[in-house]
């Protein structure tokens, strides 16, 4: 592992990231062809937050948060701190004191593959966190790692300056070079969903709007009255109608 702190990574334009975040994780994930989602293992510590920002990454050793301290210095307004470890670790690498320092620097939230602690204080501060665990287990500050080098979160490679979006549905990463494309596609998907929402409000069924009746027919799904269904069950069970 490189022992390096990269001080000036290019960042995705924050106004574009903000516009993208407004569409939410699920829409952006779908718009990008179901790419970038960090999976079900990274969940919000508290519900009700939606953020978007540019990634500052920290790669730490398990049970050691030294490089988070180094990463704080590299953060600027609009960033999201993304923390991973060289091997699985659910210790509480992050807590209220880190959150206080990051809020002073305009950081919008934390995404981490590790555990966090001081959960009540984080909620009180209003600092959004997405993590793999909650843990009171403490850490040391003894082993060098890296800052602003690529990390992996939930199978997704995240580089410094990428767009990181997070809400109650989880976390999605959009590579810096794809932010404009993601924004165009998310806008189109949102417009399509709004048209569908309006149709549903008028009583149209998804079966008809999405052409799913033909799919049901192709798969051999039949429509039966209750009487027809019970008659078929009785015939299959030898005429008794008894449930096995």
Foldseek 3Di string as FASTA:
>chain_A
DDQEEDQDDAAFPLVLQVLLQVLPDVLLCVLVVNPFFLDDLWAKLDADDKAKAFEKEFEAAAQAQQRLVVSLVRDAARYEYEYEYPDQEAAASEELVSQVSNVVRNHQAYTYAYAHENSVNCVVVVHIYIYNYHHPHHGHHDDGDYIQDWDRGSNDIGGGNWMWIQHRVHIGTHGSVCSVVSSVSSVVSVVVVVVVVVVVVVPDDPCVVVVVVVVCVVVPNDDDDPVRVLVVCCVVVPNPSDDD
